[in-house]
Amino acid sequence: MTRRLRLTLLGVGAMNSPRFAPAGLLLRHAGQRVAFDGGPGAEPPPGPLAAWLVTDEQAELRSLLRRSAAERDVVLRAGDLDVGEVRVRCRPVVHTSHPAYGYRVEAGDLLVVWAPEFWEFPAGADLMFAEAAAWNRPIRFRGGVGGHADVHTVAEEAVRHGVRRLVWAHIGRPGIRAIDAGLRPPAGEWGVEGRTYTLRLPQSAPS
């Protein structure tokens, strides 16, 4: 039986996006489901969840997300998780003045990264869902405490780090203007809400 990892984008928007629901992801494997981030319009479909993980425990949507998670009998948190043979590992990213995280989804040599917000590029991957709040220049937070890397810089870093497939999954207003102007990122593809990315797990993945 072929083992597969399914990842569905629940939303691809940055905070207060006028077009897209908040960036969110649903992982499905071995009969279990794990939600990452999301928010209004980007909540996981009905059904049990093994966990609801977040990249920022102090995000503006945290109260709404906590209520939604409680309705699913899970606690909103940042942390590690094992889903069958798939290992979900929470790792710090440089983003703002308080702790923020990305997630490594690992199975054997396969690596998927969920990192919708960061200032410094975090890692290479087979598939990466990445920051796209800014288009061709970064957004710096007040006081010099981080910010959002821009699409052009992230694309360059992704190529340098050997990311095989890059999906933009935290699209801000500058990115929306670029989309409307028919511009394409230097590398990667715009994320699409509801799209599922299916990966076959390597035979060497531990059981």
N, C-alpha and C. Protein backbone atom coordinates (compact mmCIF):
# COMPACT_ATOMS: atom_id res chain seq x y z
N MET A 1 0.85 -1.20 0.00
CA MET A 1 0.00 0.00 0.00
C MET A 1 0.88 1.25 0.00
N THR A 2 0.60 2.17 -0.92
CA THR A 2 1.37 3.40 -1.00
C THR A 2 0.99 4.33 0.14
N ARG A 3 1.98 4.79 0.86
CA ARG A 3 1.74 5.72 1.96
C ARG A 3 1.86 7.15 1.44
N ARG A 4 0.90 7.97 1.77
CA ARG A 4 0.88 9.34 1.26
C ARG A 4 0.67 10.35 2.38
N LEU A 5 1.22 11.51 2.12
CA LEU A 5 1.04 12.66 2.99
C LEU A 5 0.26 13.70 2.20
N ARG A 6 -0.86 14.14 2.74
CA ARG A 6 -1.70 15.12 2.04
C ARG A 6 -1.72 16.42 2.83
N LEU A 7 -1.47 17.51 2.13
CA LEU A 7 -1.40 18.84 2.73
C LEU A 7 -2.33 19.77 1.96
N THR A 8 -3.33 20.30 2.64
CA THR A 8 -4.33 21.15 1.98
C THR A 8 -4.24 22.57 2.54
N LEU A 9 -4.11 23.54 1.66
CA LEU A 9 -4.09 24.94 2.07
C LEU A 9 -5.51 25.38 2.44
N LEU A 10 -5.69 25.78 3.69
CA LEU A 10 -6.98 26.27 4.16
C LEU A 10 -7.14 27.76 3.85
N GLY A 11 -6.04 28.47 3.81
CA GLY A 11 -6.03 29.90 3.50
C GLY A 11 -4.63 30.30 3.09
N VAL A 12 -4.49 31.40 2.37
CA VAL A 12 -3.17 31.83 1.89
C VAL A 12 -2.94 33.32 2.14
N GLY A 13 -3.71 33.92 3.03
CA GLY A 13 -3.62 35.36 3.22
C GLY A 13 -2.77 35.78 4.41
N ALA A 14 -2.17 36.96 4.30
CA ALA A 14 -1.55 37.61 5.44
C ALA A 14 -2.65 38.23 6.31
N MET A 15 -2.26 38.75 7.46
CA MET A 15 -3.24 39.36 8.38
C MET A 15 -4.02 40.47 7.67
N ASN A 16 -5.33 40.47 7.86
CA ASN A 16 -6.23 41.48 7.31
C ASN A 16 -6.20 41.54 5.78
N SER A 17 -5.94 40.40 5.14
CA SER A 17 -5.96 40.37 3.69
C SER A 17 -7.35 40.73 3.18
N PRO A 18 -7.44 41.59 2.16
CA PRO A 18 -8.75 41.93 1.62
C PRO A 18 -9.30 40.86 0.68
N ARG A 19 -8.52 39.83 0.39
CA ARG A 19 -8.94 38.83 -0.60
C ARG A 19 -8.89 37.40 -0.09
N PHE A 20 -7.87 37.06 0.71
CA PHE A 20 -7.66 35.67 1.09
C PHE A 20 -7.90 35.45 2.58
N ALA A 21 -8.34 34.23 2.91
CA ALA A 21 -8.46 33.82 4.31
C ALA A 21 -7.07 33.65 4.90
N PRO A 22 -6.93 33.74 6.23
CA PRO A 22 -5.61 33.65 6.85
C PRO A 22 -4.88 32.35 6.49
N ALA A 23 -3.57 32.45 6.37
CA ALA A 23 -2.76 31.30 5.99
C ALA A 23 -2.99 30.14 6.96
N GLY A 24 -3.32 28.99 6.41
CA GLY A 24 -3.56 27.81 7.23
C GLY A 24 -3.35 26.55 6.42
N LEU A 25 -3.06 25.47 7.11
CA LEU A 25 -2.73 24.21 6.44
C LEU A 25 -3.38 23.06 7.19
N LEU A 26 -3.82 22.04 6.46
CA LEU A 26 -4.33 20.82 7.06
C LEU A 26 -3.49 19.65 6.58
N LEU A 27 -2.90 18.93 7.52
CA LEU A 27 -2.10 17.74 7.22
C LEU A 27 -2.97 16.52 7.47
N ARG A 28 -2.92 15.56 6.52
CA ARG A 28 -3.65 14.30 6.69
C ARG A 28 -2.70 13.14 6.41
N HIS A 29 -2.67 12.22 7.35
CA HIS A 29 -1.83 11.02 7.19
C HIS A 29 -2.26 9.97 8.20
N ALA A 30 -2.27 8.73 7.76
CA ALA A 30 -2.53 7.58 8.63
C ALA A 30 -3.83 7.74 9.41
N GLY A 31 -4.84 8.30 8.78
CA GLY A 31 -6.13 8.47 9.41
C GLY A 31 -6.20 9.59 10.43
N GLN A 32 -5.16 10.40 10.52
CA GLN A 32 -5.13 11.52 11.46
C GLN A 32 -5.05 12.85 10.70
N ARG A 33 -5.48 13.91 11.37
CA ARG A 33 -5.47 15.24 10.77
C ARG A 33 -4.87 16.23 11.77
N VAL A 34 -4.03 17.12 11.24
CA VAL A 34 -3.40 18.15 12.04
C VAL A 34 -3.60 19.50 11.34
N ALA A 35 -4.08 20.49 12.07
CA ALA A 35 -4.25 21.84 11.52
C ALA A 35 -3.07 22.71 11.93
N PHE A 36 -2.71 23.62 11.03
CA PHE A 36 -1.68 24.62 11.31
C PHE A 36 -2.28 26.00 11.04
N ASP A 37 -2.23 26.86 12.05
CA ASP A 37 -2.65 28.27 11.91
C ASP A 37 -4.08 28.38 11.37
N GLY A 38 -4.30 29.23 10.38
CA GLY A 38 -5.64 29.46 9.87
C GLY A 38 -6.35 30.57 10.63
N GLY A 39 -7.67 30.56 10.54
CA GLY A 39 -8.48 31.60 11.15
C GLY A 39 -9.83 31.66 10.47
N PRO A 40 -10.56 32.77 10.62
CA PRO A 40 -11.89 32.87 10.00
C PRO A 40 -11.83 32.61 8.50
N GLY A 41 -12.64 31.67 8.05
CA GLY A 41 -12.65 31.30 6.63
C GLY A 41 -11.57 30.31 6.26
N ALA A 42 -10.70 29.99 7.21
CA ALA A 42 -9.60 29.05 6.95
C ALA A 42 -9.49 28.05 8.10
N GLU A 43 -10.65 27.56 8.52
CA GLU A 43 -10.67 26.58 9.59
C GLU A 43 -10.74 25.18 8.99
N PRO A 44 -10.22 24.18 9.70
CA PRO A 44 -10.26 22.82 9.16
C PRO A 44 -11.69 22.33 9.04
N PRO A 45 -11.98 21.50 8.05
CA PRO A 45 -13.33 20.97 7.89
C PRO A 45 -13.72 20.11 9.09
N PRO A 46 -15.02 19.87 9.26
CA PRO A 46 -15.48 19.08 10.41
C PRO A 46 -14.77 17.73 10.50
N GLY A 47 -14.60 17.28 11.73
CA GLY A 47 -13.94 16.01 11.97
C GLY A 47 -12.89 16.15 13.05
N PRO A 48 -12.45 15.04 13.62
CA PRO A 48 -11.48 15.09 14.71
C PRO A 48 -10.11 15.59 14.25
N LEU A 49 -9.41 16.23 15.18
CA LEU A 49 -8.05 16.70 14.94
C LEU A 49 -7.12 16.08 15.98
N ALA A 50 -5.95 15.66 15.52
CA ALA A 50 -4.93 15.19 16.46
C ALA A 50 -4.29 16.37 17.20
N ALA A 51 -4.23 17.53 16.53
CA ALA A 51 -3.63 18.72 17.13
C ALA A 51 -3.96 19.93 16.26
N TRP A 52 -3.86 21.11 16.88
CA TRP A 52 -3.96 22.38 16.14
C TRP A 52 -2.73 23.18 16.55
N LEU A 53 -1.79 23.29 15.64
CA LEU A 53 -0.50 23.91 15.92
C LEU A 53 -0.43 25.31 15.32
N VAL A 54 0.31 26.20 15.98
CA VAL A 54 0.42 27.57 15.50
C VAL A 54 1.87 27.99 15.42
N THR A 55 2.13 28.96 14.57
CA THR A 55 3.48 29.50 14.42
C THR A 55 3.72 30.71 15.32
N ASP A 56 2.66 31.26 15.89
CA ASP A 56 2.79 32.44 16.76
C ASP A 56 1.70 32.36 17.83
N GLU A 57 2.11 32.05 19.06
CA GLU A 57 1.13 31.92 20.14
C GLU A 57 0.62 33.26 20.63
N GLN A 58 1.20 34.36 20.12
CA GLN A 58 0.72 35.70 20.49
C GLN A 58 0.09 36.43 19.31
N ALA A 59 -0.26 35.70 18.28
CA ALA A 59 -0.85 36.31 17.08
C ALA A 59 -2.19 36.96 17.39
N GLU A 60 -2.57 37.91 16.56
CA GLU A 60 -3.82 38.64 16.77
C GLU A 60 -5.04 37.74 16.72
N LEU A 61 -4.96 36.64 16.00
CA LEU A 61 -6.11 35.74 15.87
C LEU A 61 -6.14 34.67 16.96
N ARG A 62 -5.27 34.77 17.96
CA ARG A 62 -5.13 33.66 18.91
C ARG A 62 -6.43 33.37 19.67
N SER A 63 -7.19 34.40 20.05
CA SER A 63 -8.43 34.17 20.80
C SER A 63 -9.45 33.41 19.96
N LEU A 64 -9.61 33.83 18.72
CA LEU A 64 -10.54 33.13 17.82
C LEU A 64 -10.08 31.70 17.58
N LEU A 65 -8.79 31.51 17.37
CA LEU A 65 -8.27 30.17 17.11
C LEU A 65 -8.44 29.28 18.33
N ARG A 66 -8.20 29.81 19.52
CA ARG A 66 -8.36 29.01 20.74
C ARG A 66 -9.80 28.54 20.91
N ARG A 67 -10.74 29.42 20.62
CA ARG A 67 -12.15 29.01 20.73
C ARG A 67 -12.47 27.93 19.71
N SER A 68 -11.99 28.10 18.49
CA SER A 68 -12.25 27.09 17.46
C SER A 68 -11.61 25.75 17.82
N ALA A 69 -10.39 25.81 18.36
CA ALA A 69 -9.72 24.58 18.76
C ALA A 69 -10.45 23.91 19.90
N ALA A 70 -10.92 24.70 20.88
CA ALA A 70 -11.64 24.13 22.01
C ALA A 70 -12.91 23.42 21.56
N GLU A 71 -13.56 23.96 20.53
CA GLU A 71 -14.75 23.31 19.99
C GLU A 71 -14.43 21.96 19.36
N ARG A 72 -13.15 21.76 18.98
CA ARG A 72 -12.71 20.49 18.42
C ARG A 72 -12.04 19.60 19.47
N ASP A 73 -12.10 20.03 20.73
CA ASP A 73 -11.49 19.27 21.83
C ASP A 73 -9.99 19.14 21.70
N VAL A 74 -9.34 20.18 21.16
CA VAL A 74 -7.88 20.22 21.13
C VAL A 74 -7.43 21.56 21.70
N VAL A 75 -6.19 21.60 22.15
CA VAL A 75 -5.61 22.82 22.71
C VAL A 75 -4.70 23.46 21.68
N LEU A 76 -4.92 24.71 21.39
CA LEU A 76 -4.06 25.43 20.46
C LEU A 76 -2.67 25.56 21.06
N ARG A 77 -1.63 25.21 20.32
CA ARG A 77 -0.29 25.24 20.89
C ARG A 77 0.76 25.27 19.79
N ALA A 78 1.99 25.57 20.20
CA ALA A 78 3.16 25.39 19.35
C ALA A 78 3.95 24.23 19.94
N GLY A 79 4.36 23.29 19.10
CA GLY A 79 5.10 22.16 19.64
C GLY A 79 5.25 21.04 18.64
N ASP A 80 5.87 19.95 19.10
CA ASP A 80 6.15 18.79 18.27
C ASP A 80 4.99 17.81 18.30
N LEU A 81 4.98 16.91 17.30
CA LEU A 81 3.94 15.91 17.22
C LEU A 81 4.39 14.79 16.29
N ASP A 82 4.02 13.56 16.60
CA ASP A 82 4.23 12.44 15.69
C ASP A 82 2.87 12.00 15.17
N VAL A 83 2.79 11.83 13.85
CA VAL A 83 1.57 11.39 13.19
C VAL A 83 1.92 10.13 12.41
N GLY A 84 1.74 8.97 13.03
CA GLY A 84 2.21 7.75 12.40
C GLY A 84 3.72 7.83 12.22
N GLU A 85 4.18 7.60 11.00
CA GLU A 85 5.61 7.66 10.71
C GLU A 85 6.10 9.07 10.42
N VAL A 86 5.18 10.03 10.39
CA VAL A 86 5.53 11.42 10.08
C VAL A 86 5.82 12.16 11.38
N ARG A 87 6.94 12.88 11.38
CA ARG A 87 7.34 13.66 12.55
C ARG A 87 7.14 15.15 12.25
N VAL A 88 6.39 15.81 13.09
CA VAL A 88 6.18 17.25 12.98
C VAL A 88 7.03 17.91 14.06
N ARG A 89 7.96 18.76 13.62
CA ARG A 89 8.89 19.38 14.56
C ARG A 89 8.79 20.89 14.49
N CYS A 90 8.57 21.50 15.65
CA CYS A 90 8.45 22.96 15.79
C CYS A 90 9.84 23.55 15.95
N ARG A 91 10.16 24.55 15.12
CA ARG A 91 11.48 25.16 15.18
C ARG A 91 11.35 26.69 15.18
N PRO A 92 12.17 27.37 15.98
CA PRO A 92 12.09 28.84 16.03
C PRO A 92 12.52 29.47 14.70
N VAL A 93 11.86 30.58 14.35
CA VAL A 93 12.26 31.38 13.20
C VAL A 93 12.46 32.82 13.66
N VAL A 94 13.28 33.55 12.94
CA VAL A 94 13.45 34.98 13.20
C VAL A 94 12.31 35.72 12.52
N HIS A 95 11.47 36.38 13.34
CA HIS A 95 10.32 37.07 12.77
C HIS A 95 9.99 38.35 13.51
N THR A 96 9.84 38.27 14.85
CA THR A 96 9.42 39.43 15.61
C THR A 96 10.07 39.41 16.99
N SER A 97 9.58 40.27 17.90
CA SER A 97 10.23 40.42 19.20
C SER A 97 9.89 39.29 20.16
N HIS A 98 8.85 38.54 19.90
CA HIS A 98 8.49 37.41 20.74
C HIS A 98 8.70 36.10 19.97
N PRO A 99 8.69 34.96 20.62
CA PRO A 99 8.96 33.70 19.92
C PRO A 99 7.96 33.42 18.79
N ALA A 100 8.50 32.98 17.67
CA ALA A 100 7.70 32.56 16.51
C ALA A 100 8.35 31.32 15.93
N TYR A 101 7.56 30.54 15.19
CA TYR A 101 8.04 29.22 14.79
C TYR A 101 7.67 28.89 13.35
N GLY A 102 8.39 27.94 12.80
CA GLY A 102 8.00 27.24 11.60
C GLY A 102 7.92 25.77 11.95
N TYR A 103 7.45 24.96 11.02
CA TYR A 103 7.32 23.52 11.27
C TYR A 103 8.00 22.71 10.18
N ARG A 104 8.77 21.72 10.62
CA ARG A 104 9.36 20.73 9.74
C ARG A 104 8.50 19.47 9.81
N VAL A 105 8.02 19.03 8.67
CA VAL A 105 7.25 17.79 8.57
C VAL A 105 8.16 16.77 7.91
N GLU A 106 8.60 15.77 8.66
CA GLU A 106 9.67 14.87 8.24
C GLU A 106 9.17 13.44 8.15
N ALA A 107 9.62 12.74 7.10
CA ALA A 107 9.38 11.31 6.96
C ALA A 107 10.54 10.75 6.14
N GLY A 108 11.45 10.04 6.80
CA GLY A 108 12.65 9.61 6.09
C GLY A 108 13.41 10.81 5.57
N ASP A 109 13.73 10.79 4.28
CA ASP A 109 14.43 11.92 3.66
C ASP A 109 13.50 13.01 3.17
N LEU A 110 12.20 12.81 3.28
CA LEU A 110 11.24 13.80 2.82
C LEU A 110 11.09 14.91 3.85
N LEU A 111 11.10 16.15 3.39
CA LEU A 111 10.96 17.29 4.30
C LEU A 111 10.01 18.33 3.69
N VAL A 112 8.98 18.65 4.46
CA VAL A 112 8.06 19.73 4.12
C VAL A 112 8.19 20.81 5.19
N VAL A 113 8.19 22.07 4.80
CA VAL A 113 8.31 23.17 5.75
C VAL A 113 7.08 24.07 5.65
N TRP A 114 6.46 24.30 6.80
CA TRP A 114 5.40 25.30 6.92
C TRP A 114 5.99 26.49 7.66
N ALA A 115 6.25 27.57 6.94
CA ALA A 115 6.87 28.77 7.53
C ALA A 115 6.23 30.00 6.90
N PRO A 116 5.00 30.32 7.30
CA PRO A 116 4.28 31.41 6.64
C PRO A 116 4.73 32.81 7.03
N GLU A 117 5.55 32.94 8.10
CA GLU A 117 6.03 34.26 8.50
C GLU A 117 7.47 34.17 9.00
N PHE A 118 8.34 34.97 8.41
CA PHE A 118 9.72 35.03 8.91
C PHE A 118 10.43 36.24 8.32
N TRP A 119 11.52 36.62 9.00
CA TRP A 119 12.39 37.70 8.55
C TRP A 119 13.65 37.13 7.92
N GLU A 120 14.15 36.03 8.47
CA GLU A 120 15.32 35.35 7.92
C GLU A 120 14.91 33.99 7.41
N PHE A 121 15.40 33.62 6.23
CA PHE A 121 15.01 32.36 5.59
C PHE A 121 15.39 31.18 6.49
N PRO A 122 14.45 30.23 6.75
CA PRO A 122 14.72 29.20 7.75
C PRO A 122 15.38 27.92 7.27
N ALA A 123 15.05 27.40 6.06
CA ALA A 123 15.54 26.05 5.73
C ALA A 123 15.25 25.69 4.29
N GLY A 124 15.94 24.65 3.81
CA GLY A 124 15.61 24.03 2.53
C GLY A 124 14.55 22.97 2.75
N ALA A 125 13.94 22.48 1.66
CA ALA A 125 12.87 21.48 1.80
C ALA A 125 12.52 20.91 0.43
N ASP A 126 11.83 19.76 0.45
CA ASP A 126 11.22 19.25 -0.78
C ASP A 126 10.03 20.10 -1.19
N LEU A 127 9.24 20.50 -0.19
CA LEU A 127 8.08 21.37 -0.40
C LEU A 127 8.07 22.39 0.72
N MET A 128 7.97 23.65 0.36
CA MET A 128 7.96 24.71 1.38
C MET A 128 6.79 25.65 1.13
N PHE A 129 5.99 25.87 2.18
CA PHE A 129 4.95 26.88 2.17
C PHE A 129 5.53 28.11 2.86
N ALA A 130 5.64 29.22 2.11
CA ALA A 130 6.52 30.31 2.56
C ALA A 130 5.81 31.65 2.66
N GLU A 131 6.49 32.52 3.37
CA GLU A 131 6.15 33.93 3.56
C GLU A 131 5.99 34.66 2.24
N ALA A 132 4.92 35.45 2.11
CA ALA A 132 4.75 36.29 0.92
C ALA A 132 4.02 37.58 1.27
N ALA A 133 4.23 38.08 2.50
CA ALA A 133 3.56 39.31 2.90
C ALA A 133 4.06 40.51 2.12
N ALA A 134 5.34 40.48 1.72
CA ALA A 134 5.95 41.59 0.98
C ALA A 134 6.34 41.12 -0.42
N TRP A 135 6.42 42.04 -1.37
CA TRP A 135 6.69 41.65 -2.76
C TRP A 135 8.17 41.84 -3.13
N ASN A 136 8.61 43.08 -3.31
CA ASN A 136 9.99 43.28 -3.76
C ASN A 136 10.85 44.07 -2.77
N ARG A 137 10.31 44.33 -1.59
CA ARG A 137 11.11 44.90 -0.51
C ARG A 137 10.52 44.44 0.81
N PRO A 138 11.36 44.17 1.80
CA PRO A 138 10.86 43.60 3.06
C PRO A 138 10.03 44.61 3.85
N ILE A 139 9.24 44.07 4.76
CA ILE A 139 8.47 44.88 5.70
C ILE A 139 9.19 44.79 7.05
N ARG A 140 9.72 45.91 7.50
CA ARG A 140 10.46 45.93 8.75
C ARG A 140 9.55 46.40 9.88
N PHE A 141 9.54 45.65 10.99
CA PHE A 141 8.73 46.05 12.13
C PHE A 141 9.36 47.25 12.84
N ARG A 142 8.53 48.04 13.47
CA ARG A 142 8.99 49.20 14.23
C ARG A 142 9.96 48.76 15.33
N GLY A 143 11.03 49.50 15.50
CA GLY A 143 12.01 49.17 16.52
C GLY A 143 13.04 48.17 16.07
N GLY A 144 12.99 47.77 14.79
CA GLY A 144 14.00 46.84 14.28
C GLY A 144 13.94 45.46 14.89
N VAL A 145 12.71 44.98 15.19
CA VAL A 145 12.57 43.68 15.87
C VAL A 145 12.07 42.61 14.91
N GLY A 146 12.51 42.66 13.67
CA GLY A 146 12.11 41.64 12.70
C GLY A 146 11.16 42.21 11.67
N GLY A 147 10.38 41.34 11.07
CA GLY A 147 9.45 41.77 10.04
C GLY A 147 9.12 40.63 9.10
N HIS A 148 8.83 40.98 7.84
CA HIS A 148 8.48 40.01 6.82
C HIS A 148 9.48 40.10 5.67
N ALA A 149 10.10 38.99 5.34
CA ALA A 149 10.96 38.95 4.16
C ALA A 149 10.10 39.09 2.90
N ASP A 150 10.68 39.64 1.84
CA ASP A 150 9.92 39.84 0.61
C ASP A 150 10.05 38.65 -0.33
N VAL A 151 9.09 38.52 -1.25
CA VAL A 151 9.03 37.38 -2.17
C VAL A 151 10.32 37.24 -2.97
N HIS A 152 10.86 38.33 -3.45
CA HIS A 152 12.07 38.24 -4.28
C HIS A 152 13.25 37.68 -3.49
N THR A 153 13.42 38.13 -2.26
CA THR A 153 14.52 37.63 -1.44
C THR A 153 14.29 36.18 -1.06
N VAL A 154 13.06 35.84 -0.67
CA VAL A 154 12.76 34.46 -0.30
C VAL A 154 12.96 33.52 -1.49
N ALA A 155 12.54 33.95 -2.67
CA ALA A 155 12.74 33.12 -3.86
C ALA A 155 14.22 32.85 -4.11
N GLU A 156 15.03 33.86 -3.98
CA GLU A 156 16.48 33.71 -4.17
C GLU A 156 17.06 32.74 -3.14
N GLU A 157 16.65 32.90 -1.88
CA GLU A 157 17.14 32.03 -0.82
C GLU A 157 16.65 30.60 -1.01
N ALA A 158 15.41 30.45 -1.46
CA ALA A 158 14.87 29.11 -1.68
C ALA A 158 15.67 28.36 -2.75
N VAL A 159 16.01 29.05 -3.81
CA VAL A 159 16.84 28.43 -4.85
C VAL A 159 18.21 28.07 -4.28
N ARG A 160 18.78 28.96 -3.51
CA ARG A 160 20.10 28.72 -2.95
C ARG A 160 20.09 27.54 -1.98
N HIS A 161 18.98 27.36 -1.25
CA HIS A 161 18.88 26.28 -0.28
C HIS A 161 18.34 24.98 -0.89
N GLY A 162 18.05 24.99 -2.17
CA GLY A 162 17.63 23.76 -2.83
C GLY A 162 16.19 23.35 -2.57
N VAL A 163 15.31 24.32 -2.31
CA VAL A 163 13.89 23.99 -2.15
C VAL A 163 13.36 23.49 -3.49
N ARG A 164 12.77 22.32 -3.48
CA ARG A 164 12.32 21.72 -4.74
C ARG A 164 11.01 22.32 -5.24
N ARG A 165 10.08 22.58 -4.33
CA ARG A 165 8.81 23.20 -4.72
C ARG A 165 8.47 24.26 -3.69
N LEU A 166 8.28 25.47 -4.15
CA LEU A 166 8.04 26.62 -3.29
C LEU A 166 6.62 27.13 -3.54
N VAL A 167 5.83 27.19 -2.47
CA VAL A 167 4.44 27.65 -2.58
C VAL A 167 4.27 28.86 -1.68
N TRP A 168 3.81 29.97 -2.24
CA TRP A 168 3.61 31.21 -1.49
C TRP A 168 2.27 31.12 -0.76
N ALA A 169 2.32 31.17 0.60
CA ALA A 169 1.14 30.84 1.38
C ALA A 169 0.81 31.86 2.45
N HIS A 170 1.33 33.07 2.34
CA HIS A 170 1.02 34.13 3.30
C HIS A 170 1.06 35.44 2.52
N ILE A 171 0.09 35.60 1.63
CA ILE A 171 0.14 36.65 0.61
C ILE A 171 -0.45 37.95 1.16
N GLY A 172 0.38 39.00 1.13
CA GLY A 172 -0.05 40.30 1.62
C GLY A 172 -0.53 41.21 0.49
N ARG A 173 -0.86 42.43 0.84
CA ARG A 173 -1.38 43.38 -0.15
C ARG A 173 -0.39 43.64 -1.29
N PRO A 174 0.93 43.78 -1.02
CA PRO A 174 1.85 43.95 -2.16
C PRO A 174 1.82 42.76 -3.12
N GLY A 175 1.68 41.55 -2.58
CA GLY A 175 1.58 40.38 -3.44
C GLY A 175 0.30 40.37 -4.24
N ILE A 176 -0.80 40.81 -3.62
CA ILE A 176 -2.07 40.89 -4.34
C ILE A 176 -1.96 41.87 -5.51
N ARG A 177 -1.30 43.01 -5.27
CA ARG A 177 -1.11 43.97 -6.36
C ARG A 177 -0.27 43.36 -7.48
N ALA A 178 0.73 42.57 -7.10
CA ALA A 178 1.56 41.91 -8.11
C ALA A 178 0.74 40.90 -8.91
N ILE A 179 -0.11 40.14 -8.22
CA ILE A 179 -0.98 39.18 -8.91
C ILE A 179 -1.89 39.90 -9.89
N ASP A 180 -2.50 41.00 -9.45
CA ASP A 180 -3.43 41.74 -10.30
C ASP A 180 -2.72 42.35 -11.50
N ALA A 181 -1.42 42.63 -11.34
CA ALA A 181 -0.64 43.18 -12.45
C ALA A 181 -0.10 42.10 -13.37
N GLY A 182 -0.41 40.85 -13.05
CA GLY A 182 0.06 39.74 -13.88
C GLY A 182 1.51 39.37 -13.66
N LEU A 183 2.09 39.83 -12.54
CA LEU A 183 3.49 39.52 -12.26
C LEU A 183 3.62 38.14 -11.64
N ARG A 184 4.73 37.50 -11.92
CA ARG A 184 5.00 36.18 -11.36
C ARG A 184 6.21 36.25 -10.45
N PRO A 185 6.23 35.46 -9.38
CA PRO A 185 7.40 35.43 -8.52
C PRO A 185 8.62 34.91 -9.28
N PRO A 186 9.83 35.30 -8.87
CA PRO A 186 11.03 34.80 -9.54
C PRO A 186 11.15 33.28 -9.47
N ALA A 187 10.56 32.67 -8.45
CA ALA A 187 10.54 31.22 -8.31
C ALA A 187 9.30 30.85 -7.51
N GLY A 188 8.84 29.64 -7.68
CA GLY A 188 7.70 29.17 -6.91
C GLY A 188 6.36 29.51 -7.55
N GLU A 189 5.31 29.22 -6.83
CA GLU A 189 3.94 29.38 -7.33
C GLU A 189 3.06 29.97 -6.23
N TRP A 190 2.06 30.73 -6.65
CA TRP A 190 1.11 31.27 -5.68
C TRP A 190 0.29 30.13 -5.10
N GLY A 191 0.13 30.14 -3.77
CA GLY A 191 -0.74 29.15 -3.13
C GLY A 191 -2.19 29.38 -3.50
N VAL A 192 -2.95 28.30 -3.53
CA VAL A 192 -4.37 28.36 -3.89
C VAL A 192 -5.18 27.76 -2.75
N GLU A 193 -6.12 28.52 -2.22
CA GLU A 193 -6.94 28.03 -1.13
C GLU A 193 -7.71 26.78 -1.56
N GLY A 194 -7.64 25.75 -0.75
CA GLY A 194 -8.32 24.50 -1.03
C GLY A 194 -7.51 23.50 -1.83
N ARG A 195 -6.36 23.91 -2.34
CA ARG A 195 -5.54 22.98 -3.12
C ARG A 195 -4.82 22.00 -2.20
N THR A 196 -4.78 20.73 -2.61
CA THR A 196 -4.11 19.69 -1.85
C THR A 196 -2.82 19.28 -2.56
N TYR A 197 -1.77 19.19 -1.79
CA TYR A 197 -0.46 18.77 -2.28
C TYR A 197 -0.20 17.38 -1.70
N THR A 198 -0.10 16.37 -2.57
CA THR A 198 0.03 14.99 -2.13
C THR A 198 1.44 14.49 -2.39
N LEU A 199 2.07 13.96 -1.37
CA LEU A 199 3.44 13.47 -1.47
C LEU A 199 3.48 11.99 -1.10
N ARG A 200 4.18 11.22 -1.89
CA ARG A 200 4.39 9.81 -1.57
C ARG A 200 5.53 9.70 -0.58
N LEU A 201 5.32 8.99 0.50
CA LEU A 201 6.35 8.86 1.51
C LEU A 201 7.41 7.86 1.04
N PRO A 202 8.67 8.15 1.34
CA PRO A 202 9.75 7.27 0.92
C PRO A 202 9.69 5.91 1.62
N GLN A 203 10.13 4.88 0.93
CA GLN A 203 10.12 3.54 1.51
C GLN A 203 11.01 3.44 2.73
N SER A 204 11.99 4.36 2.82
CA SER A 204 12.93 4.32 3.93
C SER A 204 12.39 4.97 5.19
N ALA A 205 11.16 5.57 5.10
CA ALA A 205 10.60 6.23 6.28
C ALA A 205 10.42 5.23 7.39
N PRO A 206 10.82 5.56 8.64
CA PRO A 206 10.70 4.62 9.74
C PRO A 206 9.25 4.33 10.07
N SER A 207 8.98 3.13 10.52
CA SER A 207 7.63 2.75 10.86
C SER A 207 7.42 2.83 12.36
